[in-house]
N, C-alpha and C. Protein backbone atom coordinates (compact mmCIF):
# COMPACT_ATOMS: atom_id res chain seq x y z
N MET A 1 3.16 2.07 -61.54
CA MET A 1 3.89 2.75 -60.48
C MET A 1 3.11 2.60 -59.17
N SER A 2 3.81 2.28 -58.11
CA SER A 2 3.17 2.04 -56.83
C SER A 2 2.85 3.35 -56.13
N ASN A 3 1.77 3.34 -55.39
CA ASN A 3 1.43 4.54 -54.62
C ASN A 3 1.79 4.35 -53.15
N GLN A 4 2.68 3.39 -52.86
CA GLN A 4 3.15 3.17 -51.50
C GLN A 4 4.56 3.73 -51.34
N ILE A 5 4.85 4.20 -50.12
CA ILE A 5 6.18 4.68 -49.80
C ILE A 5 6.70 3.90 -48.60
N THR A 6 8.01 3.91 -48.42
CA THR A 6 8.65 3.23 -47.31
C THR A 6 9.19 4.27 -46.34
N LEU A 7 8.86 4.10 -45.07
CA LEU A 7 9.32 4.99 -44.01
C LEU A 7 10.11 4.20 -42.99
N LEU A 8 10.94 4.89 -42.22
CA LEU A 8 11.60 4.28 -41.08
C LEU A 8 10.91 4.83 -39.84
N VAL A 9 10.18 3.98 -39.14
CA VAL A 9 9.40 4.39 -37.97
C VAL A 9 9.96 3.68 -36.74
N ASN A 10 10.51 4.48 -35.82
CA ASN A 10 11.11 3.94 -34.60
C ASN A 10 12.10 2.83 -34.93
N GLY A 11 12.88 3.04 -35.99
CA GLY A 11 13.93 2.11 -36.37
C GLY A 11 13.47 0.93 -37.21
N GLU A 12 12.18 0.84 -37.52
CA GLU A 12 11.65 -0.27 -38.31
C GLU A 12 11.13 0.25 -39.65
N THR A 13 11.36 -0.51 -40.70
CA THR A 13 10.85 -0.16 -42.02
C THR A 13 9.36 -0.43 -42.06
N ARG A 14 8.59 0.57 -42.47
CA ARG A 14 7.13 0.44 -42.57
C ARG A 14 6.68 1.03 -43.89
N ASN A 15 5.57 0.54 -44.41
CA ASN A 15 5.01 1.05 -45.65
C ASN A 15 3.69 1.75 -45.39
N CYS A 16 3.41 2.76 -46.18
CA CYS A 16 2.11 3.42 -46.12
C CYS A 16 1.83 4.01 -47.50
N PHE A 17 0.61 4.46 -47.70
CA PHE A 17 0.25 5.07 -48.97
C PHE A 17 0.76 6.50 -49.03
N SER A 18 1.23 6.89 -50.20
CA SER A 18 1.68 8.27 -50.37
C SER A 18 0.46 9.19 -50.30
N HIS A 19 0.70 10.45 -50.01
CA HIS A 19 -0.33 11.48 -49.92
C HIS A 19 -1.34 11.22 -48.81
N THR A 20 -0.92 10.49 -47.78
CA THR A 20 -1.77 10.26 -46.62
C THR A 20 -1.34 11.21 -45.52
N PRO A 21 -2.29 11.96 -44.93
CA PRO A 21 -1.91 12.89 -43.85
C PRO A 21 -1.27 12.16 -42.68
N LEU A 22 -0.31 12.81 -42.04
CA LEU A 22 0.43 12.19 -40.94
C LEU A 22 -0.48 11.61 -39.85
N PRO A 23 -1.53 12.31 -39.39
CA PRO A 23 -2.38 11.70 -38.35
C PRO A 23 -2.98 10.37 -38.79
N GLU A 24 -3.33 10.26 -40.06
CA GLU A 24 -3.89 9.01 -40.58
C GLU A 24 -2.83 7.92 -40.64
N VAL A 25 -1.61 8.29 -41.04
CA VAL A 25 -0.50 7.33 -41.06
C VAL A 25 -0.26 6.80 -39.65
N LEU A 26 -0.26 7.70 -38.67
CA LEU A 26 -0.05 7.28 -37.28
C LEU A 26 -1.10 6.27 -36.85
N GLN A 27 -2.36 6.52 -37.20
CA GLN A 27 -3.44 5.58 -36.86
C GLN A 27 -3.22 4.24 -37.53
N GLN A 28 -2.83 4.27 -38.81
CA GLN A 28 -2.58 3.03 -39.54
C GLN A 28 -1.46 2.22 -38.91
N LEU A 29 -0.51 2.92 -38.29
CA LEU A 29 0.62 2.26 -37.64
C LEU A 29 0.30 1.82 -36.21
N GLY A 30 -0.93 2.10 -35.74
CA GLY A 30 -1.35 1.65 -34.42
C GLY A 30 -1.17 2.65 -33.30
N PHE A 31 -0.87 3.91 -33.64
CA PHE A 31 -0.70 4.95 -32.63
C PHE A 31 -1.96 5.80 -32.52
N ASN A 32 -2.22 6.30 -31.33
CA ASN A 32 -3.29 7.27 -31.15
C ASN A 32 -2.67 8.65 -31.34
N PRO A 33 -3.00 9.36 -32.42
CA PRO A 33 -2.37 10.65 -32.69
C PRO A 33 -2.50 11.67 -31.57
N ARG A 34 -3.49 11.52 -30.74
CA ARG A 34 -3.68 12.47 -29.64
C ARG A 34 -2.72 12.22 -28.49
N LEU A 35 -2.06 11.06 -28.49
CA LEU A 35 -1.22 10.68 -27.36
C LEU A 35 0.24 10.47 -27.73
N VAL A 36 0.69 11.08 -28.82
CA VAL A 36 2.08 10.89 -29.24
C VAL A 36 2.75 12.21 -29.56
N ALA A 37 4.07 12.19 -29.52
CA ALA A 37 4.90 13.27 -30.04
C ALA A 37 5.69 12.66 -31.20
N VAL A 38 5.96 13.48 -32.22
CA VAL A 38 6.61 12.97 -33.43
C VAL A 38 7.87 13.76 -33.75
N GLU A 39 8.95 13.02 -33.98
CA GLU A 39 10.17 13.60 -34.51
C GLU A 39 10.22 13.20 -35.98
N TYR A 40 10.36 14.19 -36.84
CA TYR A 40 10.33 13.98 -38.29
C TYR A 40 11.68 14.34 -38.87
N ASN A 41 12.39 13.34 -39.37
CA ASN A 41 13.73 13.54 -39.95
C ASN A 41 14.64 14.31 -39.01
N GLY A 42 14.59 13.95 -37.72
CA GLY A 42 15.52 14.51 -36.75
C GLY A 42 15.06 15.76 -36.04
N GLU A 43 13.86 16.26 -36.36
CA GLU A 43 13.35 17.46 -35.70
C GLU A 43 11.94 17.22 -35.17
N ILE A 44 11.68 17.77 -33.96
CA ILE A 44 10.33 17.66 -33.40
C ILE A 44 9.36 18.36 -34.34
N LEU A 45 8.28 17.66 -34.68
CA LEU A 45 7.28 18.23 -35.58
C LEU A 45 6.08 18.65 -34.75
N HIS A 46 5.85 19.94 -34.67
CA HIS A 46 4.72 20.46 -33.90
C HIS A 46 3.40 20.01 -34.52
N ARG A 47 2.47 19.69 -33.65
CA ARG A 47 1.18 19.14 -34.07
C ARG A 47 0.46 20.01 -35.11
N GLN A 48 0.63 21.30 -35.03
CA GLN A 48 -0.06 22.20 -35.97
C GLN A 48 0.37 21.97 -37.42
N PHE A 49 1.52 21.32 -37.63
CA PHE A 49 2.02 21.07 -38.98
C PHE A 49 1.76 19.65 -39.48
N TRP A 50 1.18 18.81 -38.64
CA TRP A 50 0.99 17.41 -39.01
C TRP A 50 0.17 17.25 -40.28
N SER A 51 -0.95 17.94 -40.38
CA SER A 51 -1.85 17.72 -41.52
C SER A 51 -1.26 18.22 -42.84
N GLU A 52 -0.29 19.14 -42.77
CA GLU A 52 0.31 19.65 -44.01
C GLU A 52 1.67 19.02 -44.32
N THR A 53 2.09 18.07 -43.49
CA THR A 53 3.37 17.40 -43.72
C THR A 53 3.17 16.26 -44.71
N HIS A 54 3.88 16.33 -45.81
CA HIS A 54 3.79 15.30 -46.86
C HIS A 54 4.98 14.36 -46.71
N LEU A 55 4.69 13.14 -46.30
CA LEU A 55 5.74 12.15 -46.10
C LEU A 55 6.25 11.66 -47.45
N GLN A 56 7.55 11.40 -47.50
CA GLN A 56 8.18 10.89 -48.71
C GLN A 56 8.93 9.61 -48.37
N SER A 57 9.12 8.79 -49.37
CA SER A 57 9.85 7.55 -49.16
C SER A 57 11.22 7.86 -48.60
N GLY A 58 11.60 7.13 -47.54
CA GLY A 58 12.88 7.33 -46.89
C GLY A 58 12.83 8.23 -45.68
N ASP A 59 11.69 8.90 -45.44
CA ASP A 59 11.58 9.76 -44.25
C ASP A 59 11.70 8.92 -42.99
N ARG A 60 12.20 9.56 -41.92
CA ARG A 60 12.36 8.91 -40.63
C ARG A 60 11.42 9.54 -39.61
N LEU A 61 10.65 8.71 -38.94
CA LEU A 61 9.77 9.15 -37.87
C LEU A 61 10.16 8.45 -36.57
N GLU A 62 10.25 9.22 -35.51
CA GLU A 62 10.38 8.65 -34.17
C GLU A 62 9.09 9.06 -33.47
N VAL A 63 8.33 8.09 -33.03
CA VAL A 63 7.04 8.34 -32.41
C VAL A 63 7.14 7.92 -30.95
N VAL A 64 6.85 8.88 -30.07
CA VAL A 64 6.93 8.64 -28.63
C VAL A 64 5.54 8.76 -28.04
N THR A 65 5.11 7.73 -27.33
CA THR A 65 3.80 7.73 -26.70
C THR A 65 3.87 8.44 -25.36
N ILE A 66 2.91 9.28 -25.13
CA ILE A 66 2.82 10.01 -23.86
C ILE A 66 2.19 9.09 -22.83
N VAL A 67 2.88 8.92 -21.70
CA VAL A 67 2.40 8.02 -20.65
C VAL A 67 2.23 8.82 -19.37
N GLY A 68 1.07 8.69 -18.77
CA GLY A 68 0.83 9.36 -17.48
C GLY A 68 1.17 8.43 -16.33
N GLY A 69 1.34 8.99 -15.19
CA GLY A 69 1.63 8.17 -14.04
C GLY A 69 2.22 9.01 -12.92
N GLY A 70 2.56 8.34 -11.86
CA GLY A 70 3.10 9.10 -10.75
C GLY A 70 4.21 8.40 -10.04
């Protein structure tokens, strides 16, 4: 049995290991967790819940990078 799951991240199918905390998954996907906002299955996921969120195969993440400027 595989320990990988399939997620939909910003409309693209991506794989990651199950039981990996969300901040670590974000890093593996090339995002800086300190500079993003995350929508999890259609709802904004507050940062305080990231470490306790258990991703499952088929979950949808929309990751938005925070950009500064003027």
